[in-house]
Amino acid sequence: MGEKGYVYVLTNPSFRDDWVKIGKSKRLPEVRGRELYNTAVPLPYEIYATLQTEKYNEAERMIHRSIDRISDLRINKGREFF
């Protein structure tokens, strides 16, 4: 069996209400959210949803591709914000 990881959906009160970050990590989403909270972000991230799976790389890629295929919601093509 492979190592489990997470796909997470994070929100941030300093962002527009409809923006989310969809990413992946081997670490707990709470830990990843704290890592992303730095001087470039005025408020801490909040966890909206998580998925724990051995296939977290594939799951995140599938989610990003699915959103990109049906919409233009990605804020910046090089980033994980929708």
Protein backbone atom coordinates (compact mmCIF):
# COMPACT_ATOMS: atom_id res chain seq x y z
CA MET A 1 0.00 0.00 0.00
CA GLY A 2 1.09 3.54 -0.72
CA GLU A 3 1.38 6.43 1.66
CA LYS A 4 -1.87 8.28 2.31
CA GLY A 5 -2.15 11.98 1.74
CA TYR A 6 -4.85 14.59 1.48
CA VAL A 7 -6.65 16.66 -1.10
CA TYR A 8 -7.96 19.77 0.62
CA VAL A 9 -10.18 22.72 -0.09
CA LEU A 10 -9.17 25.83 1.84
CA THR A 11 -10.94 29.15 2.14
CA ASN A 12 -9.63 32.40 3.49
CA PRO A 13 -11.72 35.24 4.98
CA SER A 14 -9.45 37.75 3.24
CA PHE A 15 -10.37 36.34 -0.20
CA ARG A 16 -13.56 36.87 -2.15
CA ASP A 17 -16.37 34.71 -0.77
CA ASP A 18 -16.38 32.40 -3.76
CA TRP A 19 -12.60 31.72 -3.98
CA VAL A 20 -11.05 28.46 -2.76
CA LYS A 21 -7.65 26.81 -2.89
CA ILE A 22 -7.69 23.14 -3.91
CA GLY A 23 -4.39 21.42 -3.19
CA LYS A 24 -2.72 18.28 -1.91
CA SER A 25 -0.33 17.38 0.87
CA LYS A 26 1.12 14.40 2.71
CA ARG A 27 0.62 16.43 5.89
CA LEU A 28 -2.65 17.07 7.67
CA PRO A 29 -4.66 19.86 6.02
CA GLU A 30 -4.48 21.83 9.29
CA VAL A 31 -0.69 21.75 9.08
CA ARG A 32 -0.69 22.69 5.40
CA GLY A 33 -3.06 25.59 6.06
CA ARG A 34 -0.70 26.92 8.74
CA GLU A 35 2.26 26.59 6.33
CA LEU A 36 0.43 28.69 3.73
CA TYR A 37 -0.41 31.41 6.25
CA ASN A 38 2.44 33.88 5.85
CA THR A 39 3.06 37.58 5.41
CA ALA A 40 1.40 37.51 1.96
CA VAL A 41 -1.95 36.43 3.45
CA PRO A 42 -3.57 38.68 6.09
CA LEU A 43 -5.76 35.99 7.72
CA PRO A 44 -5.32 32.25 8.35
CA TYR A 45 -6.77 29.66 5.99
CA GLU A 46 -9.84 27.68 7.00
CA ILE A 47 -10.46 24.07 6.02
CA TYR A 48 -13.61 23.65 3.94
CA ALA A 49 -13.20 19.99 2.90
CA THR A 50 -10.66 17.17 2.89
CA LEU A 51 -10.21 13.80 1.22
CA GLN A 52 -7.70 11.29 2.55
CA THR A 53 -6.47 8.79 -0.03
CA GLU A 54 -3.39 6.95 -1.25
CA LYS A 55 -4.10 8.49 -4.66
CA TYR A 56 -4.01 12.11 -3.54
CA ASN A 57 -1.78 13.17 -6.45
CA GLU A 58 -4.18 11.68 -9.00
CA ALA A 59 -7.27 12.93 -7.15
CA GLU A 60 -6.03 16.52 -7.04
CA ARG A 61 -5.05 16.41 -10.72
CA MET A 62 -8.47 14.98 -11.65
CA ILE A 63 -10.31 17.68 -9.67
CA HIS A 64 -8.26 20.49 -11.25
CA ARG A 65 -8.71 19.08 -14.76
CA SER A 66 -12.44 18.54 -14.27
CA ILE A 67 -12.96 22.12 -13.12
CA ASP A 68 -10.82 23.44 -15.99
CA ARG A 69 -12.72 21.33 -18.53
CA ILE A 70 -16.17 22.60 -17.59
CA SER A 71 -15.44 26.18 -16.54
CA ASP A 72 -13.01 29.07 -16.48
CA LEU A 73 -13.05 29.29 -12.69
CA ARG A 74 -9.29 28.95 -12.22
CA ILE A 75 -8.11 32.43 -11.20
CA ASN A 76 -4.58 31.94 -12.56
CA LYS A 77 -3.68 28.97 -14.80
CA GLY A 78 -0.46 28.40 -12.85
CA ARG A 79 -2.08 28.39 -9.40
CA GLU A 80 -4.51 26.25 -7.40
CA PHE A 81 -7.12 28.94 -6.75
CA PHE A 82 -10.63 28.65 -8.11
